[in-house]
Amino acid sequence: KQIDTLGAKGIGIDILFDSPQPDDPLLKSTLKAMKT
């Protein structure tokens, strides 16, 4: 959320989301709202 606000050119995430976690809803909602 902060990186999006600061105006990055692009974001690459080198982390695999290969197992469900309790805080997935928060991350998913954040990703769907990303402009970057």
Full PDB file with SEQRES, HELIX, SHEET, SSBOND, CRYST1, ORIGX, SCALE, CONECT and MASTER records, all heavy atoms in Angstrom:
SEQRES   1 A   36  LYS GLN ILE ASP THR LEU GLY ALA LYS GLY ILE GLY ILE          
SEQRES   2 A   36  ASP ILE LEU PHE ASP SER PRO GLN PRO ASP ASP PRO LEU          
SEQRES   3 A   36  LEU LYS SER THR LEU LYS ALA MET LYS THR                      
HELIX    1 AA1 GLN A    2  LEU A    6  1                                   5    
HELIX    2 AA2 ASP A   24  LYS A   32  1                                   9    
CRYST1    1.000    1.000    1.000  90.00  90.00  90.00 P 1           1          
ORIGX1      1.000000  0.000000  0.000000        0.00000                         
ORIGX2      0.000000  1.000000  0.000000        0.00000                         
ORIGX3      0.000000  0.000000  1.000000        0.00000                         
SCALE1      1.000000  0.000000  0.000000        0.00000                         
SCALE2      0.000000  1.000000  0.000000        0.00000                         
SCALE3      0.000000  0.000000  1.000000        0.00000                         
ATOM      1  N   LYS A   1       0.836  -1.202   0.000  1.00  0.00           N  
ATOM      2  CA  LYS A   1       0.000   0.000   0.000  1.00  0.00           C  
ATOM      3  C   LYS A   1       0.871   1.253   0.000  1.00  0.00           C  
ATOM      4  O   LYS A   1       0.614   2.213  -0.739  1.00  0.00           O  
ATOM      5  CB  LYS A   1      -0.924  -0.020   1.217  1.00  0.00           C  
ATOM      6  CG  LYS A   1      -1.927   1.137   1.238  1.00  0.00           C  
ATOM      7  CD  LYS A   1      -2.882   0.987   2.421  1.00  0.00           C  
ATOM      8  CE  LYS A   1      -3.893   2.142   2.443  1.00  0.00           C  
ATOM      9  NZ  LYS A   1      -4.834   2.011   3.585  1.00  0.00           N  
ATOM     10  N   GLN A   2       1.953   1.259   0.788  1.00  0.00           N  
ATOM     11  CA  GLN A   2       2.838   2.419   0.863  1.00  0.00           C  
ATOM     12  C   GLN A   2       3.637   2.589  -0.433  1.00  0.00           C  
ATOM     13  O   GLN A   2       3.830   3.704  -0.918  1.00  0.00           O  
ATOM     14  CB  GLN A   2       3.793   2.273   2.053  1.00  0.00           C  
ATOM     15  CG  GLN A   2       3.108   2.267   3.413  1.00  0.00           C  
ATOM     16  CD  GLN A   2       2.352   3.559   3.689  1.00  0.00           C  
ATOM     17  OE1 GLN A   2       2.784   4.650   3.280  1.00  0.00           O  
ATOM     18  NE2 GLN A   2       1.203   3.455   4.348  1.00  0.00           N  
ATOM     19  N   ILE A   3       4.102   1.457  -1.001  1.00  0.00           N  
ATOM     20  CA  ILE A   3       4.873   1.519  -2.253  1.00  0.00           C  
ATOM     21  C   ILE A   3       3.998   2.070  -3.373  1.00  0.00           C  
ATOM     22  O   ILE A   3       4.448   2.870  -4.207  1.00  0.00           O  
ATOM     23  CB  ILE A   3       5.426   0.119  -2.609  1.00  0.00           C  
ATOM     24  CG1 ILE A   3       6.456  -0.334  -1.566  1.00  0.00           C  
ATOM     25  CG2 ILE A   3       6.057   0.115  -3.997  1.00  0.00           C  
ATOM     26  CD1 ILE A   3       6.896  -1.772  -1.705  1.00  0.00           C  
ATOM     27  N   ASP A   4       2.731   1.641  -3.376  1.00  0.00           N  
ATOM     28  CA  ASP A   4       1.786   2.127  -4.392  1.00  0.00           C  
ATOM     29  C   ASP A   4       1.597   3.634  -4.241  1.00  0.00           C  
ATOM     30  O   ASP A   4       1.562   4.376  -5.226  1.00  0.00           O  
ATOM     31  CB  ASP A   4       0.464   1.382  -4.227  1.00  0.00           C  
ATOM     32  CG  ASP A   4      -0.463   1.589  -5.420  1.00  0.00           C  
ATOM     33  OD1 ASP A   4       0.056   1.790  -6.541  1.00  0.00           O  
ATOM     34  OD2 ASP A   4      -1.679   1.547  -5.239  1.00  0.00           O  
ATOM     35  N   THR A   5       1.497   4.064  -3.000  1.00  0.00           N  
ATOM     36  CA  THR A   5       1.304   5.493  -2.726  1.00  0.00           C  
ATOM     37  C   THR A   5       2.529   6.310  -3.145  1.00  0.00           C  
ATOM     38  O   THR A   5       2.404   7.424  -3.660  1.00  0.00           O  
ATOM     39  CB  THR A   5       1.019   5.704  -1.233  1.00  0.00           C  
ATOM     40  OG1 THR A   5      -0.150   4.961  -0.863  1.00  0.00           O  
ATOM     41  CG2 THR A   5       0.810   7.170  -0.917  1.00  0.00           C  
ATOM     42  N   LEU A   6       3.718   5.751  -2.936  1.00  0.00           N  
ATOM     43  CA  LEU A   6       4.952   6.464  -3.243  1.00  0.00           C  
ATOM     44  C   LEU A   6       5.244   6.514  -4.744  1.00  0.00           C  
ATOM     45  O   LEU A   6       6.168   7.195  -5.176  1.00  0.00           O  
ATOM     46  CB  LEU A   6       6.132   5.813  -2.513  1.00  0.00           C  
ATOM     47  CG  LEU A   6       6.100   5.950  -0.973  1.00  0.00           C  
ATOM     48  CD1 LEU A   6       7.208   5.127  -0.341  1.00  0.00           C  
ATOM     49  CD2 LEU A   6       6.233   7.422  -0.576  1.00  0.00           C  
ATOM     50  N   GLY A   7       4.500   5.773  -5.551  1.00  0.00           N  
ATOM     51  CA  GLY A   7       4.627   5.878  -7.000  1.00  0.00           C  
ATOM     52  C   GLY A   7       5.747   5.067  -7.614  1.00  0.00           C  
ATOM     53  O   GLY A   7       6.498   5.582  -8.456  1.00  0.00           O  
ATOM     54  N   ALA A   8       5.869   3.801  -7.230  1.00  0.00           N  
ATOM     55  CA  ALA A   8       6.854   2.920  -7.864  1.00  0.00           C  
ATOM     56  C   ALA A   8       6.475   2.672  -9.319  1.00  0.00           C  
ATOM     57  O   ALA A   8       5.298   2.726  -9.693  1.00  0.00           O  
ATOM     58  CB  ALA A   8       6.941   1.600  -7.103  1.00  0.00           C  
ATOM     59  N   LYS A   9       7.467   2.370 -10.154  1.00  0.00           N  
ATOM     60  CA  LYS A   9       7.202   2.104 -11.570  1.00  0.00           C  
ATOM     61  C   LYS A   9       6.613   0.711 -11.766  1.00  0.00           C  
ATOM     62  O   LYS A   9       5.768   0.495 -12.634  1.00  0.00           O  
ATOM     63  CB  LYS A   9       8.496   2.238 -12.379  1.00  0.00           C  
ATOM     64  CG  LYS A   9       8.301   2.028 -13.872  1.00  0.00           C  
ATOM     65  CD  LYS A   9       9.599   2.173 -14.655  1.00  0.00           C  
ATOM     66  CE  LYS A   9      10.005   3.634 -14.765  1.00  0.00           C  
ATOM     67  NZ  LYS A   9      11.162   3.793 -15.716  1.00  0.00           N  
ATOM     68  N   GLY A  10       7.023  -0.218 -10.980  1.00  0.00           N  
ATOM     69  CA  GLY A  10       6.517  -1.580 -11.058  1.00  0.00           C  
ATOM     70  C   GLY A  10       6.996  -2.367  -9.863  1.00  0.00           C  
ATOM     71  O   GLY A  10       8.024  -2.039  -9.247  1.00  0.00           O  
ATOM     72  N   ILE A  11       6.256  -3.413  -9.499  1.00  0.00           N  
ATOM     73  CA  ILE A  11       6.586  -4.217  -8.317  1.00  0.00           C  
ATOM     74  C   ILE A  11       6.657  -5.679  -8.730  1.00  0.00           C  
ATOM     75  O   ILE A  11       5.746  -6.202  -9.381  1.00  0.00           O  
ATOM     76  CB  ILE A  11       5.536  -4.036  -7.201  1.00  0.00           C  
ATOM     77  CG1 ILE A  11       5.410  -2.559  -6.817  1.00  0.00           C  
ATOM     78  CG2 ILE A  11       5.904  -4.879  -5.983  1.00  0.00           C  
ATOM     79  CD1 ILE A  11       4.241  -2.280  -5.875  1.00  0.00           C  
ATOM     80  N   GLY A  12       7.733  -6.335  -8.330  1.00  0.00           N  
ATOM     81  CA  GLY A  12       7.870  -7.772  -8.540  1.00  0.00           C  
ATOM     82  C   GLY A  12       8.021  -8.462  -7.208  1.00  0.00           C  
ATOM     83  O   GLY A  12       8.877  -8.076  -6.394  1.00  0.00           O  
ATOM     84  N   ILE A  13       7.186  -9.456  -6.966  1.00  0.00           N  
ATOM     85  CA  ILE A  13       7.205 -10.134  -5.664  1.00  0.00           C  
ATOM     86  C   ILE A  13       7.807 -11.524  -5.847  1.00  0.00           C  
ATOM     87  O   ILE A  13       7.245 -12.381  -6.541  1.00  0.00           O  
ATOM     88  CB  ILE A  13       5.793 -10.228  -5.070  1.00  0.00           C  
ATOM     89  CG1 ILE A  13       5.212  -8.823  -4.879  1.00  0.00           C  
ATOM     90  CG2 ILE A  13       5.820 -10.983  -3.742  1.00  0.00           C  
ATOM     91  CD1 ILE A  13       3.789  -8.813  -4.339  1.00  0.00           C  
ATOM     92  N   ASP A  14       8.970 -11.756  -5.231  1.00  0.00           N  
ATOM     93  CA  ASP A  14       9.672 -13.039  -5.314  1.00  0.00           C  
ATOM     94  C   ASP A  14       9.320 -13.903  -4.105  1.00  0.00           C  
ATOM     95  O   ASP A  14      10.202 -14.406  -3.393  1.00  0.00           O  
ATOM     96  CB  ASP A  14      11.181 -12.782  -5.395  1.00  0.00           C  
ATOM     97  CG  ASP A  14      11.966 -14.067  -5.637  1.00  0.00           C  
ATOM     98  OD1 ASP A  14      11.380 -15.043  -6.134  1.00  0.00           O  
ATOM     99  OD2 ASP A  14      13.180 -14.093  -5.316  1.00  0.00           O  
ATOM    100  N   ILE A  15       8.027 -14.046  -3.858  1.00  0.00           N  
ATOM    101  CA  ILE A  15       7.521 -14.853  -2.743  1.00  0.00           C  
ATOM    102  C   ILE A  15       6.362 -15.677  -3.272  1.00  0.00           C  
ATOM    103  O   ILE A  15       5.445 -15.137  -3.910  1.00  0.00           O  
ATOM    104  CB  ILE A  15       7.054 -13.974  -1.565  1.00  0.00           C  
ATOM    105  CG1 ILE A  15       8.216 -13.138  -1.016  1.00  0.00           C  
ATOM    106  CG2 ILE A  15       6.448 -14.830  -0.456  1.00  0.00           C  
ATOM    107  CD1 ILE A  15       7.781 -12.070  -0.039  1.00  0.00           C  
ATOM    108  N   LEU A  16       6.375 -16.975  -3.025  1.00  0.00           N  
ATOM    109  CA  LEU A  16       5.320 -17.855  -3.525  1.00  0.00           C  
ATOM    110  C   LEU A  16       4.171 -17.917  -2.521  1.00  0.00           C  
ATOM    111  O   LEU A  16       4.373 -18.237  -1.340  1.00  0.00           O  
ATOM    112  CB  LEU A  16       5.875 -19.267  -3.762  1.00  0.00           C  
ATOM    113  CG  LEU A  16       6.887 -19.418  -4.911  1.00  0.00           C  
ATOM    114  CD1 LEU A  16       7.490 -20.815  -4.911  1.00  0.00           C  
ATOM    115  CD2 LEU A  16       6.232 -19.104  -6.249  1.00  0.00           C  
ATOM    116  N   PHE A  17       2.951 -17.642  -2.995  1.00  0.00           N  
ATOM    117  CA  PHE A  17       1.750 -17.758  -2.163  1.00  0.00           C  
ATOM    118  C   PHE A  17       1.127 -19.127  -2.436  1.00  0.00           C  
ATOM    119  O   PHE A  17       0.071 -19.242  -3.051  1.00  0.00           O  
ATOM    120  CB  PHE A  17       0.772 -16.625  -2.502  1.00  0.00           C  
ATOM    121  CG  PHE A  17       1.380 -15.257  -2.352  1.00  0.00           C  
ATOM    122  CD1 PHE A  17       1.349 -14.346  -3.408  1.00  0.00           C  
ATOM    123  CD2 PHE A  17       1.983 -14.878  -1.169  1.00  0.00           C  
ATOM    124  CE1 PHE A  17       1.910 -13.087  -3.274  1.00  0.00           C  
ATOM    125  CE2 PHE A  17       2.548 -13.612  -1.022  1.00  0.00           C  
ATOM    126  CZ  PHE A  17       2.520 -12.715  -2.075  1.00  0.00           C  
ATOM    127  N   ASP A  18       1.840 -20.161  -1.978  1.00  0.00           N  
ATOM    128  CA  ASP A  18       1.454 -21.532  -2.337  1.00  0.00           C  
ATOM    129  C   ASP A  18       0.748 -22.271  -1.204  1.00  0.00           C  
ATOM    130  O   ASP A  18       0.598 -23.489  -1.259  1.00  0.00           O  
ATOM    131  CB  ASP A  18       2.682 -22.323  -2.778  1.00  0.00           C  
ATOM    132  CG  ASP A  18       3.798 -22.291  -1.739  1.00  0.00           C  
ATOM    133  OD1 ASP A  18       3.601 -21.686  -0.663  1.00  0.00           O  
ATOM    134  OD2 ASP A  18       4.872 -22.862  -1.999  1.00  0.00           O  
ATOM    135  N   SER A  19       0.334 -21.535  -0.171  1.00  0.00           N  
ATOM    136  CA  SER A  19      -0.442 -22.166   0.900  1.00  0.00           C  
ATOM    137  C   SER A  19      -1.337 -21.098   1.539  1.00  0.00           C  
ATOM    138  O   SER A  19      -0.891 -19.973   1.769  1.00  0.00           O  
ATOM    139  CB  SER A  19       0.491 -22.776   1.954  1.00  0.00           C  
ATOM    140  OG  SER A  19       1.320 -21.788   2.531  1.00  0.00           O  
ATOM    141  N   PRO A  20      -2.583 -21.429   1.790  1.00  0.00           N  
ATOM    142  CA  PRO A  20      -3.525 -20.449   2.377  1.00  0.00           C  
ATOM    143  C   PRO A  20      -3.061 -19.995   3.759  1.00  0.00           C  
ATOM    144  O   PRO A  20      -2.510 -20.776   4.534  1.00  0.00           O  
ATOM    145  CB  PRO A  20      -4.835 -21.230   2.452  1.00  0.00           C  
ATOM    146  CG  PRO A  20      -4.672 -22.362   1.482  1.00  0.00           C  
ATOM    147  CD  PRO A  20      -3.234 -22.732   1.513  1.00  0.00           C  
ATOM    148  N   GLN A  21      -3.301 -18.694   4.065  1.00  0.00           N  
ATOM    149  CA  GLN A  21      -2.946 -18.119   5.352  1.00  0.00           C  
ATOM    150  C   GLN A  21      -4.120 -17.293   5.882  1.00  0.00           C  
ATOM    151  O   GLN A  21      -4.953 -16.781   5.096  1.00  0.00           O  
ATOM    152  CB  GLN A  21      -1.711 -17.234   5.212  1.00  0.00           C  
ATOM    153  CG  GLN A  21      -0.446 -17.970   4.829  1.00  0.00           C  
ATOM    154  CD  GLN A  21      -0.006 -18.979   5.877  1.00  0.00           C  
ATOM    155  OE1 GLN A  21       0.109 -18.651   7.068  1.00  0.00           O  
ATOM    156  NE2 GLN A  21       0.205 -20.207   5.431  1.00  0.00           N  
ATOM    157  N   PRO A  22      -4.218 -17.118   7.213  1.00  0.00           N  
ATOM    158  CA  PRO A  22      -5.342 -16.362   7.791  1.00  0.00           C  
ATOM    159  C   PRO A  22      -5.417 -14.918   7.296  1.00  0.00           C  
ATOM    160  O   PRO A  22      -6.503 -14.344   7.219  1.00  0.00           O  
ATOM    161  CB  PRO A  22      -5.053 -16.421   9.301  1.00  0.00           C  
ATOM    162  CG  PRO A  22      -4.196 -17.640   9.479  1.00  0.00           C  
ATOM    163  CD  PRO A  22      -3.364 -17.738   8.257  1.00  0.00           C  
ATOM    164  N   ASP A  23      -4.272 -14.318   6.984  1.00  0.00           N  
ATOM    165  CA  ASP A  23      -4.296 -12.916   6.581  1.00  0.00           C  
ATOM    166  C   ASP A  23      -4.387 -12.746   5.064  1.00  0.00           C  
ATOM    167  O   ASP A  23      -4.124 -11.667   4.532  1.00  0.00           O  
ATOM    168  CB  ASP A  23      -3.063 -12.184   7.116  1.00  0.00           C  
ATOM    169  CG  ASP A  23      -1.759 -12.930   6.828  1.00  0.00           C  
ATOM    170  OD1 ASP A  23      -1.826 -14.011   6.211  1.00  0.00           O  
ATOM    171  OD2 ASP A  23      -0.685 -12.430   7.222  1.00  0.00           O  
ATOM    172  N   ASP A  24      -4.769 -13.823   4.347  1.00  0.00           N  
ATOM    173  CA  ASP A  24      -4.911 -13.719   2.891  1.00  0.00           C  
ATOM    174  C   ASP A  24      -5.941 -12.668   2.462  1.00  0.00           C  
ATOM    175  O   ASP A  24      -5.712 -11.947   1.479  1.00  0.00           O  
ATOM    176  CB  ASP A  24      -5.282 -15.081   2.294  1.00  0.00           C  
ATOM    177  CG  ASP A  24      -4.053 -15.960   2.124  1.00  0.00           C  
ATOM    178  OD1 ASP A  24      -2.928 -15.425   2.188  1.00  0.00           O  
ATOM    179  OD2 ASP A  24      -4.208 -17.180   1.916  1.00  0.00           O  
ATOM    180  N   PRO A  25      -7.095 -12.565   3.138  1.00  0.00           N  
ATOM    181  CA  PRO A  25      -8.082 -11.566   2.689  1.00  0.00           C  
ATOM    182  C   PRO A  25      -7.511 -10.153   2.627  1.00  0.00           C  
ATOM    183  O   PRO A  25      -7.791  -9.401   1.696  1.00  0.00           O  
ATOM    184  CB  PRO A  25      -9.194 -11.688   3.733  1.00  0.00           C  
ATOM    185  CG  PRO A  25      -9.098 -13.110   4.194  1.00  0.00           C  
ATOM    186  CD  PRO A  25      -7.634 -13.410   4.229  1.00  0.00           C  
ATOM    187  N   LEU A  26      -6.690  -9.777   3.636  1.00  0.00           N  
ATOM    188  CA  LEU A  26      -6.096  -8.442   3.647  1.00  0.00           C  
ATOM    189  C   LEU A  26      -5.179  -8.248   2.446  1.00  0.00           C  
ATOM    190  O   LEU A  26      -5.241  -7.228   1.750  1.00  0.00           O  
ATOM    191  CB  LEU A  26      -5.321  -8.220   4.951  1.00  0.00           C  
ATOM    192  CG  LEU A  26      -4.536  -6.902   5.036  1.00  0.00           C  
ATOM    193  CD1 LEU A  26      -5.471  -5.701   4.923  1.00  0.00           C  
ATOM    194  CD2 LEU A  26      -3.726  -6.856   6.328  1.00  0.00           C  
ATOM    195  N   LEU A  27      -4.323  -9.242   2.189  1.00  0.00           N  
ATOM    196  CA  LEU A  27      -3.380  -9.116   1.078  1.00  0.00           C  
ATOM    197  C   LEU A  27      -4.115  -9.098  -0.258  1.00  0.00           C  
ATOM    198  O   LEU A  27      -3.781  -8.310  -1.158  1.00  0.00           O  
ATOM    199  CB  LEU A  27      -2.362 -10.264   1.114  1.00  0.00           C  
ATOM    200  CG  LEU A  27      -1.313 -10.266   0.002  1.00  0.00           C  
ATOM    201  CD1 LEU A  27      -0.513  -8.962  -0.008  1.00  0.00           C  
ATOM    202  CD2 LEU A  27      -0.369 -11.463   0.149  1.00  0.00           C  
ATOM    203  N   LYS A  28      -5.124  -9.938  -0.382  1.00  0.00           N  
ATOM    204  CA  LYS A  28      -5.865  -9.982  -1.644  1.00  0.00           C  
ATOM    205  C   LYS A  28      -6.559  -8.650  -1.933  1.00  0.00           C  
ATOM    206  O   LYS A  28      -6.541  -8.157  -3.060  1.00  0.00           O  
ATOM    207  CB  LYS A  28      -6.881 -11.114  -1.608  1.00  0.00           C  
ATOM    208  CG  LYS A  28      -6.262 -12.504  -1.715  1.00  0.00           C  
ATOM    209  CD  LYS A  28      -7.331 -13.586  -1.710  1.00  0.00           C  
ATOM    210  CE  LYS A  28      -6.722 -14.976  -1.850  1.00  0.00           C  
ATOM    211  NZ  LYS A  28      -7.764 -16.032  -1.881  1.00  0.00           N  
ATOM    212  N   SER A  29      -7.168  -8.110  -0.906  1.00  0.00           N  
ATOM    213  CA  SER A  29      -7.862  -6.828  -1.115  1.00  0.00           C  
ATOM    214  C   SER A  29      -6.861  -5.735  -1.476  1.00  0.00           C  
ATOM    215  O   SER A  29      -7.145  -4.858  -2.296  1.00  0.00           O  
ATOM    216  CB  SER A  29      -8.647  -6.451   0.144  1.00  0.00           C  
ATOM    217  OG  SER A  29      -7.775  -6.253   1.242  1.00  0.00           O  
ATOM    218  N   THR A  30      -5.685  -5.779  -0.863  1.00  0.00           N  
ATOM    219  CA  THR A  30      -4.646  -4.797  -1.187  1.00  0.00           C  
ATOM    220  C   THR A  30      -4.192  -4.938  -2.636  1.00  0.00           C  
ATOM    221  O   THR A  30      -4.030  -3.948  -3.360  1.00  0.00           O  
ATOM    222  CB  THR A  30      -3.449  -4.960  -0.242  1.00  0.00           C  
ATOM    223  OG1 THR A  30      -3.882  -4.801   1.111  1.00  0.00           O  
ATOM    224  CG2 THR A  30      -2.364  -3.931  -0.558  1.00  0.00           C  
ATOM    225  N   LEU A  31      -3.982  -6.180  -3.080  1.00  0.00           N  
ATOM    226  CA  LEU A  31      -3.529  -6.416  -4.453  1.00  0.00           C  
ATOM    227  C   LEU A  31      -4.567  -5.935  -5.468  1.00  0.00           C  
ATOM    228  O   LEU A  31      -4.223  -5.331  -6.491  1.00  0.00           O  
ATOM    229  CB  LEU A  31      -3.234  -7.907  -4.660  1.00  0.00           C  
ATOM    230  CG  LEU A  31      -1.963  -8.451  -3.974  1.00  0.00           C  
ATOM    231  CD1 LEU A  31      -1.908  -9.970  -4.051  1.00  0.00           C  
ATOM    232  CD2 LEU A  31      -0.712  -7.845  -4.614  1.00  0.00           C  
ATOM    233  N   LYS A  32      -5.830  -6.203  -5.181  1.00  0.00           N  
ATOM    234  CA  LYS A  32      -6.879  -5.792  -6.124  1.00  0.00           C  
ATOM    235  C   LYS A  32      -7.005  -4.268  -6.224  1.00  0.00           C  
ATOM    236  O   LYS A  32      -7.467  -3.753  -7.240  1.00  0.00           O  
ATOM    237  CB  LYS A  32      -8.209  -6.392  -5.698  1.00  0.00           C  
ATOM    238  CG  LYS A  32      -8.277  -7.903  -5.898  1.00  0.00           C  
ATOM    239  CD  LYS A  32      -9.615  -8.460  -5.429  1.00  0.00           C  
ATOM    240  CE  LYS A  32      -9.681  -9.977  -5.624  1.00  0.00           C  
ATOM    241  NZ  LYS A  32     -10.984 -10.543  -5.178  1.00  0.00           N  
ATOM    242  N   ALA A  33      -6.550  -3.603  -5.172  1.00  0.00           N  
ATOM    243  CA  ALA A  33      -6.670  -2.137  -5.169  1.00  0.00           C  
ATOM    244  C   ALA A  33      -5.428  -1.446  -5.714  1.00  0.00           C  
ATOM    245  O   ALA A  33      -5.387  -0.224  -5.811  1.00  0.00           O  
ATOM    246  CB  ALA A  33      -6.939  -1.662  -3.739  1.00  0.00           C  
ATOM    247  N   MET A  34      -4.384  -2.217  -6.092  1.00  0.00           N  
ATOM    248  CA  MET A  34      -3.118  -1.634  -6.532  1.00  0.00           C  
ATOM    249  C   MET A  34      -3.267  -0.913  -7.865  1.00  0.00           C  
ATOM    250  O   MET A  34      -3.919  -1.390  -8.791  1.00  0.00           O  
ATOM    251  CB  MET A  34      -2.051  -2.719  -6.655  1.00  0.00           C  
ATOM    252  CG  MET A  34      -1.641  -3.355  -5.336  1.00  0.00           C  
ATOM    253  SD  MET A  34      -0.757  -2.232  -4.237  1.00  0.00           S  
ATOM    254  CE  MET A  34       0.761  -2.020  -5.148  1.00  0.00           C  
ATOM    255  N   LYS A  35      -2.648   0.283  -7.967  1.00  0.00           N  
ATOM    256  CA  LYS A  35      -2.583   1.035  -9.213  1.00  0.00           C  
ATOM    257  C   LYS A  35      -1.249   0.781  -9.927  1.00  0.00           C  
ATOM    258  O   LYS A  35      -1.149   0.914 -11.142  1.00  0.00           O  
ATOM    259  CB  LYS A  35      -2.731   2.538  -8.930  1.00  0.00           C  
ATOM    260  CG  LYS A  35      -4.034   2.909  -8.210  1.00  0.00           C  
ATOM    261  CD  LYS A  35      -5.245   2.509  -9.016  1.00  0.00           C  
ATOM    262  CE  LYS A  35      -6.536   2.912  -8.287  1.00  0.00           C  
ATOM    263  NZ  LYS A  35      -7.747   2.439  -9.023  1.00  0.00           N  
ATOM    264  N   THR A  36      -0.231   0.450  -9.115  1.00  0.00           N  
ATOM    265  CA  THR A  36       1.089   0.127  -9.670  1.00  0.00           C  
ATOM    266  C   THR A  36       1.077  -1.308 -10.187  1.00  0.00           C  
ATOM    267  O   THR A  36       0.542  -2.205  -9.513  1.00  0.00           O  
ATOM    268  CB  THR A  36       2.182   0.267  -8.589  1.00  0.00           C  
ATOM    269  OG1 THR A  36       2.113   1.583  -8.031  1.00  0.00           O  
ATOM    270  CG2 THR A  36       3.559   0.009  -9.167  1.00  0.00           C  
TER     271      THR A  36                                                      
MASTER        0    0    0    2    0    0    0    6  270    1    0    3          
END                                                                             
